[in-house]
Amino acid sequence: MFRLNGGRTGAPPIWRAMSAVDTGLVHLVGRLRVTGGIPAHLRGRPLLMTANHIGVFDAFVLIAACQQIGVSPRFLLAGGLLDAPVLGPALRASGHLRVDRGKAGAVEQFGHAVEALKTATSPIIVYPEGRISHDPGLWPERGKTGAARLALAAGVPVLPISQWGAHEAVYWGTEKVSGPADLLPLARSGFTAPLRRPKFQVHFGRPVDLSDVEPERPGAGMRAHRKIMRAITDGLVPLRAAEPDKPKFHDPTRPTDTVSPWRP
């Protein structure tokens, strides 16, 4: 775990280096536009940030957007990423948190995440959907209550992040990579992105008001989850005003087998 005083100072050197490379890559691939921000009174204290998941490249865009507003976030990541060769050790050394959904250690990991969040002085980012949206219009999926329950258990504020455009950088590809052939669609789409110069938009919204959600009452996690997802969707609407139905960018590899309950 690393501690910050509301900015980047204090992050592990490896994470500062990775973030710098990331920012350069994002600006090489497309154009970044950031709106909103983190209120001064929420900097340097525990804060959970929740974002919609629209593509393989959107985590890179989120990191660059956070760097632009002066914070170095940590992510709640799937165990597979933290176990990956080369990348895994770098991510673990950077202080990111682990979650293995549906596995025996998930409850214990949730407890560790709650304690880490209570003492964090840099934001932690979670994708409430748990995967890239399968909605035909790329609106947020129903998602899971884990992020909401984490915020309630730790007693920390939630800041919604809405993003659009990162889906144009790289194709979705496949759910699982089993060989080099699975990476070809991503490689082809990624190589053409700098020529297309997609516009990456990231909006940091107002903190979600969870004051009326009593953590001990049954269904509290779902009530908080609905508030969080609606806040993310509300912030997304103006970002994609020209694409209210379906994305103009067609990704032939992304599944479209679910329907968003949050779509306006």
Protein backbone atom coordinates (compact mmCIF):
# COMPACT_ATOMS: atom_id res chain seq x y z
CA MET A 1 0.00 0.00 0.00
CA PHE A 2 1.19 3.51 -0.68
CA ARG A 3 0.13 6.80 0.79
CA LEU A 4 -0.38 10.09 -0.99
CA ASN A 5 -1.28 13.55 0.19
CA GLY A 6 -3.93 14.04 -2.46
CA GLY A 7 -1.46 13.98 -5.36
CA ARG A 8 1.13 11.81 -7.00
CA THR A 9 3.99 12.14 -4.52
CA GLY A 10 4.53 8.96 -2.55
CA ALA A 11 3.39 6.45 -5.18
CA PRO A 12 5.86 3.61 -5.75
CA PRO A 13 8.48 4.50 -8.38
CA ILE A 14 7.38 1.60 -10.57
CA TRP A 15 3.80 2.90 -10.60
CA ARG A 16 4.93 6.45 -11.34
CA ALA A 17 6.98 5.13 -14.27
CA MET A 18 4.11 2.97 -15.55
CA SER A 19 1.70 5.91 -15.28
CA ALA A 20 4.05 8.17 -17.23
CA VAL A 21 4.36 5.61 -20.02
CA ASP A 22 0.61 5.10 -19.96
CA THR A 23 -0.09 8.83 -20.34
CA GLY A 24 2.29 9.04 -23.30
CA LEU A 25 0.57 6.07 -24.94
CA VAL A 26 -2.90 7.52 -24.47
CA HIS A 27 -1.89 10.83 -26.05
CA LEU A 28 -0.22 8.94 -28.91
CA VAL A 29 -3.33 6.88 -29.63
CA GLY A 30 -5.98 9.59 -29.33
CA ARG A 31 -7.15 12.88 -27.82
CA LEU A 32 -7.95 13.07 -24.11
CA ARG A 33 -10.59 15.41 -22.69
CA VAL A 34 -11.18 15.46 -18.94
CA THR A 35 -14.04 17.25 -17.19
CA GLY A 36 -15.03 17.50 -13.55
CA GLY A 37 -12.59 16.55 -10.83
CA ILE A 38 -12.12 15.49 -7.23
CA PRO A 39 -13.29 18.07 -4.67
CA ALA A 40 -10.52 19.42 -2.47
CA HIS A 41 -12.09 18.01 0.70
CA LEU A 42 -11.95 14.46 -0.74
CA ARG A 43 -8.27 14.56 -1.68
CA GLY A 44 -5.81 12.79 0.57
CA ARG A 45 -8.52 10.72 2.25
CA PRO A 46 -10.24 7.37 1.56
CA LEU A 47 -12.20 7.57 -1.69
CA LEU A 48 -13.76 4.92 -3.93
CA MET A 49 -14.12 5.82 -7.60
CA THR A 50 -16.47 3.76 -9.80
CA ALA A 51 -16.27 3.75 -13.60
CA ASN A 52 -18.18 2.25 -16.51
CA HIS A 53 -16.30 -0.39 -18.51
CA ILE A 54 -16.40 0.15 -22.28
CA GLY A 55 -13.27 -1.41 -23.71
CA VAL A 56 -9.87 -3.01 -23.35
CA PHE A 57 -8.15 0.38 -23.46
CA ASP A 58 -10.31 2.27 -20.98
CA ALA A 59 -8.15 1.55 -17.92
CA PHE A 60 -5.23 3.21 -19.71
CA VAL A 61 -7.42 6.25 -20.36
CA LEU A 62 -8.57 6.37 -16.72
CA ILE A 63 -4.98 6.36 -15.47
CA ALA A 64 -4.05 9.21 -17.81
CA ALA A 65 -7.16 11.18 -16.80
CA CYS A 66 -6.31 10.75 -13.12
CA GLN A 67 -2.76 11.91 -13.77
CA GLN A 68 -4.18 15.01 -15.45
CA ILE A 69 -6.15 15.96 -12.32
CA GLY A 70 -3.20 15.16 -10.07
CA VAL A 71 -3.97 11.79 -8.47
CA SER A 72 -2.46 8.31 -8.76
CA PRO A 73 -5.23 5.77 -8.28
CA ARG A 74 -5.06 2.10 -7.43
CA PHE A 75 -7.36 -0.47 -9.00
CA LEU A 76 -9.31 -3.41 -7.63
CA LEU A 77 -8.12 -6.01 -10.15
CA ALA A 78 -9.01 -9.56 -11.12
CA GLY A 79 -6.54 -12.08 -9.78
CA GLY A 80 -5.58 -13.18 -13.30
CA LEU A 81 -3.97 -9.83 -14.03
CA LEU A 82 -1.97 -9.87 -10.81
CA ASP A 83 -0.77 -13.41 -11.55
CA ALA A 84 0.28 -12.66 -15.13
CA PRO A 85 4.00 -12.93 -16.00
CA VAL A 86 5.94 -9.62 -15.96
CA LEU A 87 2.83 -7.42 -15.61
CA GLY A 88 1.57 -9.15 -12.46
CA PRO A 89 4.60 -8.48 -10.25
CA ALA A 90 4.69 -4.84 -11.42
CA LEU A 91 1.01 -4.36 -10.54
CA ARG A 92 1.43 -6.02 -7.15
CA ALA A 93 4.44 -3.83 -6.38
CA SER A 94 2.31 -0.82 -7.32
CA GLY A 95 -0.17 -1.57 -4.55
CA HIS A 96 -3.23 -2.65 -6.53
CA LEU A 97 -5.82 -4.78 -4.76
CA ARG A 98 -6.93 -8.29 -5.65
CA VAL A 99 -10.39 -9.75 -6.13
CA ASP A 100 -11.19 -13.33 -7.18
CA ARG A 101 -14.95 -13.47 -7.65
CA GLY A 102 -16.61 -16.74 -6.78
CA LYS A 103 -13.51 -18.30 -5.25
CA ALA A 104 -12.94 -19.55 -1.72
CA GLY A 105 -10.80 -16.58 -0.69
CA ALA A 106 -13.19 -13.92 -2.02
CA VAL A 107 -14.68 -13.11 1.41
CA GLU A 108 -11.24 -12.70 2.95
CA GLN A 109 -10.11 -10.53 0.03
CA PHE A 110 -13.20 -8.36 0.49
CA GLY A 111 -12.21 -7.83 4.13
CA HIS A 112 -8.68 -6.88 3.10
CA ALA A 113 -10.07 -4.45 0.52
CA VAL A 114 -12.32 -2.82 3.14
CA GLU A 115 -9.39 -2.29 5.51
CA ALA A 116 -7.16 -1.00 2.70
CA LEU A 117 -9.87 1.44 1.62
CA LYS A 118 -10.39 2.74 5.16
CA THR A 119 -6.76 3.86 5.39
CA ALA A 120 -6.11 4.80 1.75
CA THR A 121 -4.96 8.32 0.97
CA SER A 122 -5.18 7.84 -2.79
CA PRO A 123 -8.35 6.86 -4.69
CA ILE A 124 -9.21 3.25 -5.45
CA ILE A 125 -10.99 2.56 -8.75
CA VAL A 126 -13.54 -0.23 -9.19
CA TYR A 127 -15.53 -1.34 -12.24
CA PRO A 128 -18.99 -2.16 -10.80
CA GLU A 129 -19.97 -3.99 -13.99
CA GLY A 130 -17.16 -6.49 -13.58
CA ARG A 131 -16.63 -6.77 -17.34
CA ILE A 132 -16.83 -4.74 -20.55
CA SER A 133 -20.46 -4.02 -21.35
CA HIS A 134 -22.26 -6.44 -23.68
CA ASP A 135 -25.15 -4.01 -24.17
CA PRO A 136 -25.61 -3.25 -27.92
CA GLY A 137 -25.50 0.48 -27.16
CA LEU A 138 -22.52 0.09 -24.79
CA TRP A 139 -24.56 1.50 -21.91
CA PRO A 140 -23.55 0.19 -18.47
CA GLU A 141 -24.56 -3.38 -17.65
CA ARG A 142 -26.56 -4.30 -14.57
CA GLY A 143 -23.30 -4.87 -12.69
CA LYS A 144 -22.65 -6.31 -9.26
CA THR A 145 -23.06 -4.88 -5.77
CA GLY A 146 -19.45 -5.43 -4.70
CA ALA A 147 -18.34 -1.81 -5.13
CA ALA A 148 -21.40 -0.51 -3.27
CA ARG A 149 -20.94 -3.00 -0.41
CA LEU A 150 -17.25 -2.07 -0.24
CA ALA A 151 -18.07 1.63 0.10
CA LEU A 152 -20.73 0.97 2.74
CA ALA A 153 -18.51 -1.37 4.76
CA ALA A 154 -15.59 1.07 4.71
CA GLY A 155 -17.81 4.14 5.20
CA VAL A 156 -16.14 6.09 2.39
CA PRO A 157 -17.50 8.46 -0.26
CA VAL A 158 -18.08 7.27 -3.83
CA LEU A 159 -17.13 9.37 -6.86
CA PRO A 160 -18.63 8.22 -10.20
CA ILE A 161 -16.50 8.30 -13.35
CA SER A 162 -18.16 8.27 -16.78
CA GLN A 163 -16.10 7.65 -19.90
CA TRP A 164 -16.62 7.40 -23.63
CA GLY A 165 -14.35 6.88 -26.63
CA ALA A 166 -11.84 4.36 -25.29
CA HIS A 167 -13.79 1.57 -27.02
CA GLU A 168 -12.55 3.00 -30.34
CA ALA A 169 -8.89 2.41 -29.53
CA VAL A 170 -8.81 -1.39 -29.48
CA TYR A 171 -11.34 -4.10 -30.33
CA TRP A 172 -12.89 -6.13 -27.52
CA GLY A 173 -11.29 -9.24 -28.99
CA THR A 174 -12.22 -12.25 -26.87
CA GLU A 175 -13.19 -13.10 -23.29
CA LYS A 176 -10.11 -15.30 -22.83
CA VAL A 177 -6.81 -15.23 -24.68
CA SER A 178 -5.72 -18.79 -25.49
CA GLY A 179 -3.10 -18.06 -28.13
CA PRO A 180 -1.50 -15.48 -30.46
CA ALA A 181 -4.44 -15.70 -32.88
CA ASP A 182 -6.71 -14.20 -30.21
CA LEU A 183 -4.56 -11.08 -30.09
CA LEU A 184 -4.64 -10.34 -33.83
CA PRO A 185 -7.95 -8.38 -33.82
CA LEU A 186 -6.65 -6.22 -30.96
CA ALA A 187 -3.32 -5.65 -32.70
CA ARG A 188 -4.93 -4.68 -36.01
CA SER A 189 -7.35 -2.23 -34.41
CA GLY A 190 -4.68 -0.79 -32.11
CA PHE A 191 -2.25 -0.11 -34.93
CA THR A 192 -4.82 1.99 -36.78
CA ALA A 193 -5.96 3.98 -33.74
CA PRO A 194 -3.24 6.69 -33.96
CA LEU A 195 -4.37 7.38 -37.53
CA ARG A 196 -8.03 7.66 -36.50
CA ARG A 197 -7.26 9.77 -33.39
CA PRO A 198 -10.33 8.78 -31.33
CA LYS A 199 -11.54 11.23 -28.71
CA PHE A 200 -11.30 9.92 -25.15
CA GLN A 201 -13.70 11.64 -22.77
CA VAL A 202 -13.57 11.16 -19.00
CA HIS A 203 -15.89 12.92 -16.58
CA PHE A 204 -15.42 12.90 -12.81
CA GLY A 205 -18.90 13.41 -11.37
CA ARG A 206 -20.21 14.64 -8.05
CA PRO A 207 -19.97 12.28 -5.06
CA VAL A 208 -22.91 9.89 -4.88
CA ASP A 209 -25.26 10.68 -2.00
CA LEU A 210 -25.57 7.46 0.01
CA SER A 211 -26.67 9.18 3.22
CA ASP A 212 -30.12 7.58 3.09
CA VAL A 213 -28.73 4.05 2.68
CA GLU A 214 -28.46 2.29 6.05
CA PRO A 215 -25.66 -0.29 5.74
CA GLU A 216 -27.22 -2.72 8.23
CA ARG A 217 -30.61 -2.92 6.54
CA PRO A 218 -31.30 -5.80 4.11
CA GLY A 219 -30.84 -4.75 0.49
CA ALA A 220 -28.54 -1.84 1.34
CA GLY A 221 -25.93 -3.01 -1.17
CA MET A 222 -28.42 -3.07 -4.04
CA ARG A 223 -29.87 0.34 -3.13
CA ALA A 224 -26.39 1.88 -3.06
CA HIS A 225 -25.48 0.06 -6.27
CA ARG A 226 -28.47 1.54 -8.10
CA LYS A 227 -27.51 5.04 -7.00
CA ILE A 228 -23.92 4.54 -8.16
CA MET A 229 -24.87 3.10 -11.56
CA ARG A 230 -27.40 5.84 -12.23
CA ALA A 231 -24.80 8.49 -11.36
CA ILE A 232 -22.34 6.89 -13.81
CA THR A 233 -25.04 6.76 -16.51
CA ASP A 234 -26.12 10.36 -15.89
CA GLY A 235 -22.53 11.48 -16.42
CA LEU A 236 -22.26 9.37 -19.58
CA VAL A 237 -25.29 10.88 -21.34
CA PRO A 238 -23.68 14.22 -22.31
CA LEU A 239 -20.42 12.55 -23.29
CA ARG A 240 -22.17 10.53 -25.99
CA ALA A 241 -24.90 13.01 -26.95
CA ALA A 242 -24.18 12.38 -30.64
CA GLU A 243 -24.44 8.60 -30.12
CA PRO A 244 -27.51 8.09 -27.90
CA ASP A 245 -28.46 4.73 -29.39
CA LYS A 246 -25.45 2.72 -30.54
CA PRO A 247 -21.75 3.60 -30.91
CA LYS A 248 -20.79 4.87 -34.34
CA PHE A 249 -17.59 2.84 -34.08
CA HIS A 250 -18.41 -0.77 -34.93
CA ASP A 251 -16.50 -3.46 -33.09
CA PRO A 252 -17.32 -6.79 -34.75
CA THR A 253 -15.75 -8.77 -31.90
CA ARG A 254 -17.76 -7.42 -28.94
CA PRO A 255 -20.76 -9.50 -27.79
CA THR A 256 -24.13 -7.71 -27.67
CA ASP A 257 -26.17 -10.23 -25.70
CA THR A 258 -27.36 -8.18 -22.71
CA VAL A 259 -29.60 -5.16 -22.21
CA SER A 260 -28.65 -2.30 -19.90
CA PRO A 261 -31.23 -1.55 -17.17
CA TRP A 262 -29.70 1.92 -16.69
CA ARG A 263 -30.02 3.13 -20.29
CA PRO A 264 -31.92 6.46 -20.34
